[in-house]
Amino acid sequence: MRDAIPEFNKSQPGGGVGLSGVSLAAGTGTRTRKEIAIILLVAVVVIGGLEVLLRWFEVPHYILPPPSAIAAALVKEFPLLLPHLRDTLICLFAGFGIGASIGLILAAVVTQKPFVEKVITPYILILVTTPMLALVPLLILRFGFGYTPRIIAVALAAGPMVMINAATGFRRTDSAKIALARSYGASVLQIFWKIRAPMALPMILVGLMIGAIFGLLTCVGAEMVGGGFGLGNRLTTYSSMINMPEFFAVIMILSIMGIVLYVLFFLIGKKWASWET
């Protein structure tokens, strides 16, 4: 009877790159009350100082509105922006889900099949270095002004980021653990699921976080290029009408969305990959 294959998913890795190693959790650890108070004080000083300066020098709202005007516009316009926020989230989550799934599958394949890596790596580099927004007009010509071109653009932007980071994590597994598993008679698939995948989880989460941020930027850019819905479309509309308080209110919403994505993946990493730190 063959000995059981040892589990390594909770042991301290020898060669992996964790959340702390790639700065996913940098600056987001447990803070003291003093640190939180200082952060809030700085925010109050910056926002309050900006409010005073803009009103003191009587800067027109169409150039740079004060924070109070932006907050008022956000409260006033939010019910009207809610359907556009929904459309942006639909495109973002659909495109990110497709791109991340394909990226993870390709990362698993290229780390097991060197020949496949040599074939597809040039195309991945092309996707990484090509601004996806440049392809949006072509996608609109082919698929129209609906969700489809935006989802494709988000998937093309997020997928390569997920693949590169996941493949890096799969390769940086401690070779001693793999050798030990092979000595117990582990198959390639067993080594992948029991050793490579758990050890690569921190890098996978980093790739998902970066892919989500890139997907959000691409989604907003695609909405600005074409279509009559989405927060990106609202940015174009408000800027053309010189409604700058509403314009900056949309930017606030997008900033909050980016922060939420970052915090979400940080919390997931803290729960499922905290052993890496």
C-alpha atoms as a PDB file:
ATOM      1  CA  MET A   1       0.000   0.000   0.000  1.00  0.00           C
ATOM      2  CA  ARG A   2       1.434   3.386  -1.066  1.00  0.00           C
ATOM      3  CA  ASP A   3       2.129   5.947   1.631  1.00  0.00           C
ATOM      4  CA  ALA A   4      -0.182   8.927   1.839  1.00  0.00           C
ATOM      5  CA  ILE A   5       1.005  12.086   0.153  1.00  0.00           C
ATOM      6  CA  PRO A   6       1.809  14.740   2.762  1.00  0.00           C
ATOM      7  CA  GLU A   7      -0.197  17.960   2.752  1.00  0.00           C
ATOM      8  CA  PHE A   8       1.711  21.232   2.475  1.00  0.00           C
ATOM      9  CA  ASN A   9      -1.049  23.797   2.228  1.00  0.00           C
ATOM     10  CA  LYS A  10      -0.456  25.162   5.745  1.00  0.00           C
ATOM     11  CA  SER A  11       3.289  24.836   6.078  1.00  0.00           C
ATOM     12  CA  GLN A  12       5.811  27.665   5.811  1.00  0.00           C
ATOM     13  CA  PRO A  13       6.996  27.833   2.191  1.00  0.00           C
ATOM     14  CA  GLY A  14      10.628  27.979   1.312  1.00  0.00           C
ATOM     15  CA  GLY A  15      10.521  29.750  -2.019  1.00  0.00           C
ATOM     16  CA  GLY A  16       7.089  31.245  -2.495  1.00  0.00           C
ATOM     17  CA  VAL A  17       6.265  34.916  -2.701  1.00  0.00           C
ATOM     18  CA  GLY A  18       3.620  35.914  -0.191  1.00  0.00           C
ATOM     19  CA  LEU A  19       1.287  38.822   0.199  1.00  0.00           C
ATOM     20  CA  SER A  20       3.865  40.735   2.166  1.00  0.00           C
ATOM     21  CA  GLY A  21       6.514  40.018  -0.438  1.00  0.00           C
ATOM     22  CA  VAL A  22       4.532  41.667  -3.202  1.00  0.00           C
ATOM     23  CA  SER A  23       3.229  44.536  -1.094  1.00  0.00           C
ATOM     24  CA  LEU A  24      -0.432  43.583  -1.336  1.00  0.00           C
ATOM     25  CA  ALA A  25      -0.755  44.111   2.372  1.00  0.00           C
ATOM     26  CA  ALA A  26       1.750  46.932   2.609  1.00  0.00           C
ATOM     27  CA  GLY A  27       0.399  49.687   4.783  1.00  0.00           C
ATOM     28  CA  THR A  28      -2.891  47.906   5.431  1.00  0.00           C
ATOM     29  CA  GLY A  29      -2.030  46.013   8.593  1.00  0.00           C
ATOM     30  CA  THR A  30      -3.523  46.543  12.014  1.00  0.00           C
ATOM     31  CA  ARG A  31      -3.369  50.227  12.916  1.00  0.00           C
ATOM     32  CA  THR A  32      -3.345  51.829  16.330  1.00  0.00           C
ATOM     33  CA  ARG A  33      -5.894  54.429  17.343  1.00  0.00           C
ATOM     34  CA  LYS A  34      -3.202  57.085  17.097  1.00  0.00           C
ATOM     35  CA  GLU A  35      -2.431  56.153  13.488  1.00  0.00           C
ATOM     36  CA  ILE A  36      -6.123  56.156  12.568  1.00  0.00           C
ATOM     37  CA  ALA A  37      -6.558  59.556  14.220  1.00  0.00           C
ATOM     38  CA  ILE A  38      -3.594  60.971  12.286  1.00  0.00           C
ATOM     39  CA  ILE A  39      -4.938  59.601   8.993  1.00  0.00           C
ATOM     40  CA  LEU A  40      -8.353  61.167   9.633  1.00  0.00           C
ATOM     41  CA  LEU A  41      -6.746  64.432  10.715  1.00  0.00           C
ATOM     42  CA  VAL A  42      -4.712  64.630   7.507  1.00  0.00           C
ATOM     43  CA  ALA A  43      -7.868  63.985   5.451  1.00  0.00           C
ATOM     44  CA  VAL A  44      -9.748  66.722   7.308  1.00  0.00           C
ATOM     45  CA  VAL A  45      -6.885  69.188   6.861  1.00  0.00           C
ATOM     46  CA  VAL A  46      -6.522  68.448   3.132  1.00  0.00           C
ATOM     47  CA  ILE A  47     -10.245  68.560   2.353  1.00  0.00           C
ATOM     48  CA  GLY A  48     -10.892  71.538   4.607  1.00  0.00           C
ATOM     49  CA  GLY A  49      -7.876  73.407   3.293  1.00  0.00           C
ATOM     50  CA  LEU A  50      -8.942  72.789  -0.285  1.00  0.00           C
ATOM     51  CA  GLU A  51     -12.445  74.035   0.527  1.00  0.00           C
ATOM     52  CA  VAL A  52     -11.103  77.235   2.096  1.00  0.00           C
ATOM     53  CA  LEU A  53      -8.584  77.944  -0.664  1.00  0.00           C
ATOM     54  CA  LEU A  54     -11.047  77.426  -3.506  1.00  0.00           C
ATOM     55  CA  ARG A  55     -13.602  79.708  -1.876  1.00  0.00           C
ATOM     56  CA  TRP A  56     -10.995  82.265  -0.828  1.00  0.00           C
ATOM     57  CA  PHE A  57      -9.667  82.649  -4.383  1.00  0.00           C
ATOM     58  CA  GLU A  58     -13.203  82.322  -5.832  1.00  0.00           C
ATOM     59  CA  VAL A  59     -12.239  79.560  -8.235  1.00  0.00           C
ATOM     60  CA  PRO A  60     -15.185  78.916 -10.594  1.00  0.00           C
ATOM     61  CA  HIS A  61     -16.919  75.579 -10.176  1.00  0.00           C
ATOM     62  CA  TYR A  62     -16.415  74.741 -13.833  1.00  0.00           C
ATOM     63  CA  ILE A  63     -12.646  74.780 -13.230  1.00  0.00           C
ATOM     64  CA  LEU A  64     -12.402  73.040  -9.855  1.00  0.00           C
ATOM     65  CA  PRO A  65     -15.425  72.734  -7.556  1.00  0.00           C
ATOM     66  CA  PRO A  66     -14.928  72.705  -3.765  1.00  0.00           C
ATOM     67  CA  PRO A  67     -15.377  69.406  -1.882  1.00  0.00           C
ATOM     68  CA  SER A  68     -18.720  70.567  -0.461  1.00  0.00           C
ATOM     69  CA  ALA A  69     -20.100  71.077  -3.990  1.00  0.00           C
ATOM     70  CA  ILE A  70     -18.850  67.645  -5.036  1.00  0.00           C
ATOM     71  CA  ALA A  71     -20.471  66.005  -2.003  1.00  0.00           C
ATOM     72  CA  ALA A  72     -23.753  67.818  -2.685  1.00  0.00           C
ATOM     73  CA  ALA A  73     -23.671  66.727  -6.332  1.00  0.00           C
ATOM     74  CA  LEU A  74     -22.994  63.143  -5.286  1.00  0.00           C
ATOM     75  CA  VAL A  75     -26.013  63.088  -2.992  1.00  0.00           C
ATOM     76  CA  LYS A  76     -28.228  64.787  -5.560  1.00  0.00           C
ATOM     77  CA  GLU A  77     -27.181  62.743  -8.596  1.00  0.00           C
ATOM     78  CA  PHE A  78     -26.698  59.355  -6.971  1.00  0.00           C
ATOM     79  CA  PRO A  79     -30.238  58.090  -7.710  1.00  0.00           C
ATOM     80  CA  LEU A  80     -29.657  58.965 -11.369  1.00  0.00           C
ATOM     81  CA  LEU A  81     -26.184  57.409 -11.330  1.00  0.00           C
ATOM     82  CA  LEU A  82     -27.334  54.156  -9.755  1.00  0.00           C
ATOM     83  CA  PRO A  83     -28.458  52.492 -13.047  1.00  0.00           C
ATOM     84  CA  HIS A  84     -25.146  53.496 -14.653  1.00  0.00           C
ATOM     85  CA  LEU A  85     -23.266  52.063 -11.679  1.00  0.00           C
ATOM     86  CA  ARG A  86     -25.153  48.807 -12.167  1.00  0.00           C
ATOM     87  CA  ASP A  87     -24.183  48.707 -15.859  1.00  0.00           C
ATOM     88  CA  THR A  88     -20.528  49.327 -15.023  1.00  0.00           C
ATOM     89  CA  LEU A  89     -20.525  46.567 -12.407  1.00  0.00           C
ATOM     90  CA  ILE A  90     -22.134  44.119 -14.831  1.00  0.00           C
ATOM     91  CA  CYS A  91     -19.457  44.754 -17.457  1.00  0.00           C
ATOM     92  CA  LEU A  92     -16.675  44.680 -14.881  1.00  0.00           C
ATOM     93  CA  PHE A  93     -17.676  41.447 -13.147  1.00  0.00           C
ATOM     94  CA  ALA A  94     -18.571  39.623 -16.353  1.00  0.00           C
ATOM     95  CA  GLY A  95     -15.363  40.614 -18.136  1.00  0.00           C
ATOM     96  CA  PHE A  96     -13.205  40.030 -15.081  1.00  0.00           C
ATOM     97  CA  GLY A  97     -14.738  36.622 -14.441  1.00  0.00           C
ATOM     98  CA  ILE A  98     -14.097  35.501 -18.021  1.00  0.00           C
ATOM     99  CA  GLY A  99     -10.583  36.959 -18.184  1.00  0.00           C
ATOM    100  CA  ALA A 100      -9.524  35.673 -14.761  1.00  0.00           C
ATOM    101  CA  SER A 101     -10.809  32.155 -15.495  1.00  0.00           C
ATOM    102  CA  ILE A 102      -8.938  31.967 -18.795  1.00  0.00           C
ATOM    103  CA  GLY A 103      -5.835  33.483 -17.189  1.00  0.00           C
ATOM    104  CA  LEU A 104      -5.765  30.906 -14.388  1.00  0.00           C
ATOM    105  CA  ILE A 105      -6.259  28.025 -16.808  1.00  0.00           C
ATOM    106  CA  LEU A 106      -3.477  29.258 -19.093  1.00  0.00           C
ATOM    107  CA  ALA A 107      -1.164  29.805 -16.118  1.00  0.00           C
ATOM    108  CA  ALA A 108      -1.712  26.209 -14.995  1.00  0.00           C
ATOM    109  CA  VAL A 109      -1.116  24.890 -18.513  1.00  0.00           C
ATOM    110  CA  VAL A 110       2.056  26.862 -19.295  1.00  0.00           C
ATOM    111  CA  THR A 111       3.708  25.850 -16.018  1.00  0.00           C
ATOM    112  CA  GLN A 112       3.125  22.180 -16.838  1.00  0.00           C
ATOM    113  CA  LYS A 113       3.736  22.339 -20.604  1.00  0.00           C
ATOM    114  CA  PRO A 114       6.852  24.357 -21.570  1.00  0.00           C
ATOM    115  CA  PHE A 115       6.036  24.014 -25.266  1.00  0.00           C
ATOM    116  CA  VAL A 116       2.659  25.712 -24.778  1.00  0.00           C
ATOM    117  CA  GLU A 117       4.389  28.532 -22.908  1.00  0.00           C
ATOM    118  CA  LYS A 118       6.763  29.150 -25.812  1.00  0.00           C
ATOM    119  CA  VAL A 119       3.831  29.327 -28.218  1.00  0.00           C
ATOM    120  CA  ILE A 120       1.468  31.650 -26.332  1.00  0.00           C
ATOM    121  CA  THR A 121       3.953  33.879 -24.451  1.00  0.00           C
ATOM    122  CA  PRO A 122       4.445  36.296 -27.401  1.00  0.00           C
ATOM    123  CA  TYR A 123       0.696  36.791 -27.666  1.00  0.00           C
ATOM    124  CA  ILE A 124       0.357  37.379 -23.923  1.00  0.00           C
ATOM    125  CA  LEU A 125       3.077  40.033 -24.132  1.00  0.00           C
ATOM    126  CA  ILE A 126       1.193  41.680 -26.977  1.00  0.00           C
ATOM    127  CA  LEU A 127      -1.980  41.786 -24.870  1.00  0.00           C
ATOM    128  CA  VAL A 128      -0.102  43.188 -21.879  1.00  0.00           C
ATOM    129  CA  THR A 129       1.629  45.952 -23.845  1.00  0.00           C
ATOM    130  CA  THR A 130      -1.344  46.895 -26.042  1.00  0.00           C
ATOM    131  CA  PRO A 131      -3.814  49.417 -24.570  1.00  0.00           C
ATOM    132  CA  MET A 132      -7.148  47.632 -24.691  1.00  0.00           C
ATOM    133  CA  LEU A 133      -8.925  50.955 -25.192  1.00  0.00           C
ATOM    134  CA  ALA A 134      -7.374  51.097 -28.663  1.00  0.00           C
ATOM    135  CA  LEU A 135      -9.384  47.992 -29.568  1.00  0.00           C
ATOM    136  CA  VAL A 136     -12.712  49.279 -28.236  1.00  0.00           C
ATOM    137  CA  PRO A 137     -13.758  51.125 -31.451  1.00  0.00           C
ATOM    138  CA  LEU A 138     -13.039  47.964 -33.456  1.00  0.00           C
ATOM    139  CA  LEU A 139     -15.030  45.853 -30.997  1.00  0.00           C
ATOM    140  CA  ILE A 140     -17.916  48.332 -31.177  1.00  0.00           C
ATOM    141  CA  LEU A 141     -17.952  48.096 -34.966  1.00  0.00           C
ATOM    142  CA  ARG A 142     -18.166  44.319 -34.710  1.00  0.00           C
ATOM    143  CA  PHE A 143     -20.477  43.841 -31.687  1.00  0.00           C
ATOM    144  CA  GLY A 144     -22.375  47.128 -31.417  1.00  0.00           C
ATOM    145  CA  PHE A 145     -22.789  49.506 -28.472  1.00  0.00           C
ATOM    146  CA  GLY A 146     -24.037  46.995 -25.906  1.00  0.00           C
ATOM    147  CA  TYR A 147     -22.303  45.100 -23.132  1.00  0.00           C
ATOM    148  CA  THR A 148     -20.361  42.721 -25.395  1.00  0.00           C
ATOM    149  CA  PRO A 149     -17.465  44.962 -26.550  1.00  0.00           C
ATOM    150  CA  ARG A 150     -16.937  46.257 -23.023  1.00  0.00           C
ATOM    151  CA  ILE A 151     -16.907  42.787 -21.508  1.00  0.00           C
ATOM    152  CA  ILE A 152     -14.416  41.597 -24.119  1.00  0.00           C
ATOM    153  CA  ALA A 153     -12.175  44.609 -23.467  1.00  0.00           C
ATOM    154  CA  VAL A 154     -12.242  44.008 -19.696  1.00  0.00           C
ATOM    155  CA  ALA A 155     -11.469  40.305 -20.177  1.00  0.00           C
ATOM    156  CA  LEU A 156      -8.520  41.121 -22.438  1.00  0.00           C
ATOM    157  CA  ALA A 157      -7.196  43.613 -19.892  1.00  0.00           C
ATOM    158  CA  ALA A 158      -7.617  41.429 -16.791  1.00  0.00           C
ATOM    159  CA  GLY A 159      -6.734  37.989 -18.154  1.00  0.00           C
ATOM    160  CA  PRO A 160      -3.012  38.524 -18.914  1.00  0.00           C
ATOM    161  CA  MET A 161      -2.424  40.157 -15.500  1.00  0.00           C
ATOM    162  CA  VAL A 162      -3.960  37.184 -13.733  1.00  0.00           C
ATOM    163  CA  MET A 163      -2.041  34.719 -15.885  1.00  0.00           C
ATOM    164  CA  ILE A 164       1.379  36.321 -15.376  1.00  0.00           C
ATOM    165  CA  ASN A 165       1.083  36.517 -11.591  1.00  0.00           C
ATOM    166  CA  ALA A 166      -0.473  33.066 -11.247  1.00  0.00           C
ATOM    167  CA  ALA A 167       2.212  31.480 -13.434  1.00  0.00           C
ATOM    168  CA  THR A 168       4.879  33.172 -11.319  1.00  0.00           C
ATOM    169  CA  GLY A 169       3.313  31.724  -8.189  1.00  0.00           C
ATOM    170  CA  PHE A 170       3.079  28.232  -9.680  1.00  0.00           C
ATOM    171  CA  ARG A 171       6.789  28.317 -10.610  1.00  0.00           C
ATOM    172  CA  ARG A 172       8.048  29.580  -7.252  1.00  0.00           C
ATOM    173  CA  THR A 173       6.928  26.542  -5.289  1.00  0.00           C
ATOM    174  CA  ASP A 174       9.626  25.086  -3.062  1.00  0.00           C
ATOM    175  CA  SER A 175      11.370  22.375  -5.106  1.00  0.00           C
ATOM    176  CA  ALA A 176      12.149  20.400  -1.948  1.00  0.00           C
ATOM    177  CA  LYS A 177       8.435  19.913  -1.278  1.00  0.00           C
ATOM    178  CA  ILE A 178       7.866  18.767  -4.843  1.00  0.00           C
ATOM    179  CA  ALA A 179      10.764  16.319  -4.622  1.00  0.00           C
ATOM    180  CA  LEU A 180       9.414  14.946  -1.358  1.00  0.00           C
ATOM    181  CA  ALA A 181       5.949  14.490  -2.862  1.00  0.00           C
ATOM    182  CA  ARG A 182       7.429  12.678  -5.860  1.00  0.00           C
ATOM    183  CA  SER A 183       9.290  10.365  -3.518  1.00  0.00           C
ATOM    184  CA  TYR A 184       5.885   9.419  -2.087  1.00  0.00           C
ATOM    185  CA  GLY A 185       4.687   8.623  -5.606  1.00  0.00           C
ATOM    186  CA  ALA A 186       2.584  11.735  -6.215  1.00  0.00           C
ATOM    187  CA  SER A 187       1.366  12.337  -9.758  1.00  0.00           C
ATOM    188  CA  VAL A 188       1.752  15.624 -11.614  1.00  0.00           C
ATOM    189  CA  LEU A 189      -1.898  16.484 -10.957  1.00  0.00           C
ATOM    190  CA  GLN A 190      -1.589  15.678  -7.261  1.00  0.00           C
ATOM    191  CA  ILE A 191       1.530  17.838  -6.958  1.00  0.00           C
ATOM    192  CA  PHE A 192      -0.264  20.681  -8.668  1.00  0.00           C
ATOM    193  CA  TRP A 193      -3.382  20.629  -6.455  1.00  0.00           C
ATOM    194  CA  LYS A 194      -1.696  19.780  -3.149  1.00  0.00           C
ATOM    195  CA  ILE A 195       1.507  21.830  -3.462  1.00  0.00           C
ATOM    196  CA  ARG A 196       1.690  24.256  -6.369  1.00  0.00           C
ATOM    197  CA  ALA A 197      -1.831  25.703  -6.111  1.00  0.00           C
ATOM    198  CA  PRO A 198      -1.818  26.342  -2.326  1.00  0.00           C
ATOM    199  CA  MET A 199       1.697  27.802  -2.434  1.00  0.00           C
ATOM    200  CA  ALA A 200       0.765  30.014  -5.399  1.00  0.00           C
ATOM    201  CA  LEU A 201      -2.401  31.363  -3.744  1.00  0.00           C
ATOM    202  CA  PRO A 202      -0.824  34.679  -2.572  1.00  0.00           C
ATOM    203  CA  MET A 203       0.456  35.470  -6.077  1.00  0.00           C
ATOM    204  CA  ILE A 204      -2.882  34.412  -7.573  1.00  0.00           C
ATOM    205  CA  LEU A 205      -4.672  36.881  -5.296  1.00  0.00           C
ATOM    206  CA  VAL A 206      -2.242  39.616  -6.305  1.00  0.00           C
ATOM    207  CA  GLY A 207      -2.943  38.847  -9.958  1.00  0.00           C
ATOM    208  CA  LEU A 208      -6.689  38.925  -9.350  1.00  0.00           C
ATOM    209  CA  MET A 209      -6.400  42.273  -7.580  1.00  0.00           C
ATOM    210  CA  ILE A 210      -4.306  43.828 -10.354  1.00  0.00           C
ATOM    211  CA  GLY A 211      -6.582  42.327 -12.994  1.00  0.00           C
ATOM    212  CA  ALA A 212      -9.664  43.758 -11.276  1.00  0.00           C
ATOM    213  CA  ILE A 213      -8.138  47.253 -11.127  1.00  0.00           C
ATOM    214  CA  PHE A 214      -7.045  47.109 -14.766  1.00  0.00           C
ATOM    215  CA  GLY A 215     -10.476  45.783 -15.667  1.00  0.00           C
ATOM    216  CA  LEU A 216     -12.170  48.697 -13.924  1.00  0.00           C
ATOM    217  CA  LEU A 217     -10.001  51.238 -15.755  1.00  0.00           C
ATOM    218  CA  THR A 218     -10.640  49.533 -19.084  1.00  0.00           C
ATOM    219  CA  CYS A 219     -14.375  49.294 -18.419  1.00  0.00           C
ATOM    220  CA  VAL A 220     -14.656  53.011 -17.688  1.00  0.00           C
ATOM    221  CA  GLY A 221     -12.542  53.876 -20.732  1.00  0.00           C
ATOM    222  CA  ALA A 222     -14.685  51.670 -22.959  1.00  0.00           C
ATOM    223  CA  GLU A 223     -17.825  53.375 -21.645  1.00  0.00           C
ATOM    224  CA  MET A 224     -16.322  56.758 -22.465  1.00  0.00           C
ATOM    225  CA  VAL A 225     -15.576  55.688 -26.030  1.00  0.00           C
ATOM    226  CA  GLY A 226     -19.020  54.443 -26.972  1.00  0.00           C
ATOM    227  CA  GLY A 227     -22.446  53.654 -25.613  1.00  0.00           C
ATOM    228  CA  GLY A 228     -25.111  55.591 -23.758  1.00  0.00           C
ATOM    229  CA  PHE A 229     -24.792  53.958 -20.344  1.00  0.00           C
ATOM    230  CA  GLY A 230     -22.228  53.357 -17.620  1.00  0.00           C
ATOM    231  CA  LEU A 231     -20.252  55.639 -15.314  1.00  0.00           C
ATOM    232  CA  GLY A 232     -17.705  56.288 -18.048  1.00  0.00           C
ATOM    233  CA  ASN A 233     -20.492  57.643 -20.235  1.00  0.00           C
ATOM    234  CA  ARG A 234     -21.531  59.927 -17.359  1.00  0.00           C
ATOM    235  CA  LEU A 235     -17.989  61.306 -17.198  1.00  0.00           C
ATOM    236  CA  THR A 236     -18.139  62.177 -20.881  1.00  0.00           C
ATOM    237  CA  THR A 237     -21.599  63.688 -20.569  1.00  0.00           C
ATOM    238  CA  TYR A 238     -20.832  65.831 -17.508  1.00  0.00           C
ATOM    239  CA  SER A 239     -17.523  67.070 -18.916  1.00  0.00           C
ATOM    240  CA  SER A 240     -19.169  68.066 -22.202  1.00  0.00           C
ATOM    241  CA  MET A 241     -21.814  70.001 -20.243  1.00  0.00           C
ATOM    242  CA  ILE A 242     -19.134  71.483 -17.921  1.00  0.00           C
ATOM    243  CA  ASN A 243     -20.954  70.057 -14.894  1.00  0.00           C
ATOM    244  CA  MET A 244     -17.750  69.627 -12.940  1.00  0.00           C
ATOM    245  CA  PRO A 245     -19.266  68.904  -9.489  1.00  0.00           C
ATOM    246  CA  GLU A 246     -21.157  65.969 -11.003  1.00  0.00           C
ATOM    247  CA  PHE A 247     -18.026  64.983 -12.948  1.00  0.00           C
ATOM    248  CA  PHE A 248     -15.932  64.747  -9.776  1.00  0.00           C
ATOM    249  CA  ALA A 249     -18.793  62.968  -7.994  1.00  0.00           C
ATOM    250  CA  VAL A 250     -18.539  60.153 -10.558  1.00  0.00           C
ATOM    251  CA  ILE A 251     -14.775  60.079 -10.057  1.00  0.00           C
ATOM    252  CA  MET A 252     -15.399  59.676  -6.318  1.00  0.00           C
ATOM    253  CA  ILE A 253     -17.639  56.678  -6.986  1.00  0.00           C
ATOM    254  CA  LEU A 254     -15.000  55.092  -9.226  1.00  0.00           C
ATOM    255  CA  SER A 255     -12.305  55.718  -6.609  1.00  0.00           C
ATOM    256  CA  ILE A 256     -14.445  54.048  -3.949  1.00  0.00           C
ATOM    257  CA  MET A 257     -14.978  51.082  -6.271  1.00  0.00           C
ATOM    258  CA  GLY A 258     -11.210  50.703  -6.718  1.00  0.00           C
ATOM    259  CA  ILE A 259     -10.612  50.894  -2.976  1.00  0.00           C
ATOM    260  CA  VAL A 260     -13.322  48.299  -2.337  1.00  0.00           C
ATOM    261  CA  LEU A 261     -11.713  45.915  -4.830  1.00  0.00           C
ATOM    262  CA  TYR A 262      -8.325  46.351  -3.186  1.00  0.00           C
ATOM    263  CA  VAL A 263      -9.674  45.827   0.328  1.00  0.00           C
ATOM    264  CA  LEU A 264     -11.718  42.802  -0.785  1.00  0.00           C
ATOM    265  CA  PHE A 265      -8.709  40.936  -2.137  1.00  0.00           C
ATOM    266  CA  PHE A 266      -6.627  41.984   0.862  1.00  0.00           C
ATOM    267  CA  LEU A 267      -9.212  40.498   3.230  1.00  0.00           C
ATOM    268  CA  ILE A 268      -9.420  37.319   1.156  1.00  0.00           C
ATOM    269  CA  GLY A 269      -5.640  37.015   1.287  1.00  0.00           C
ATOM    270  CA  LYS A 270      -5.597  37.681   5.015  1.00  0.00           C
ATOM    271  CA  LYS A 271      -8.113  34.890   5.582  1.00  0.00           C
ATOM    272  CA  TRP A 272      -6.901  32.259   3.117  1.00  0.00           C
ATOM    273  CA  ALA A 273      -3.196  33.040   2.709  1.00  0.00           C
ATOM    274  CA  SER A 274      -2.189  34.563   6.048  1.00  0.00           C
ATOM    275  CA  TRP A 275       0.096  31.577   6.662  1.00  0.00           C
ATOM    276  CA  GLU A 276       2.341  32.961   3.890  1.00  0.00           C
ATOM    277  CA  THR A 277       3.321  35.960   6.028  1.00  0.00           C
END
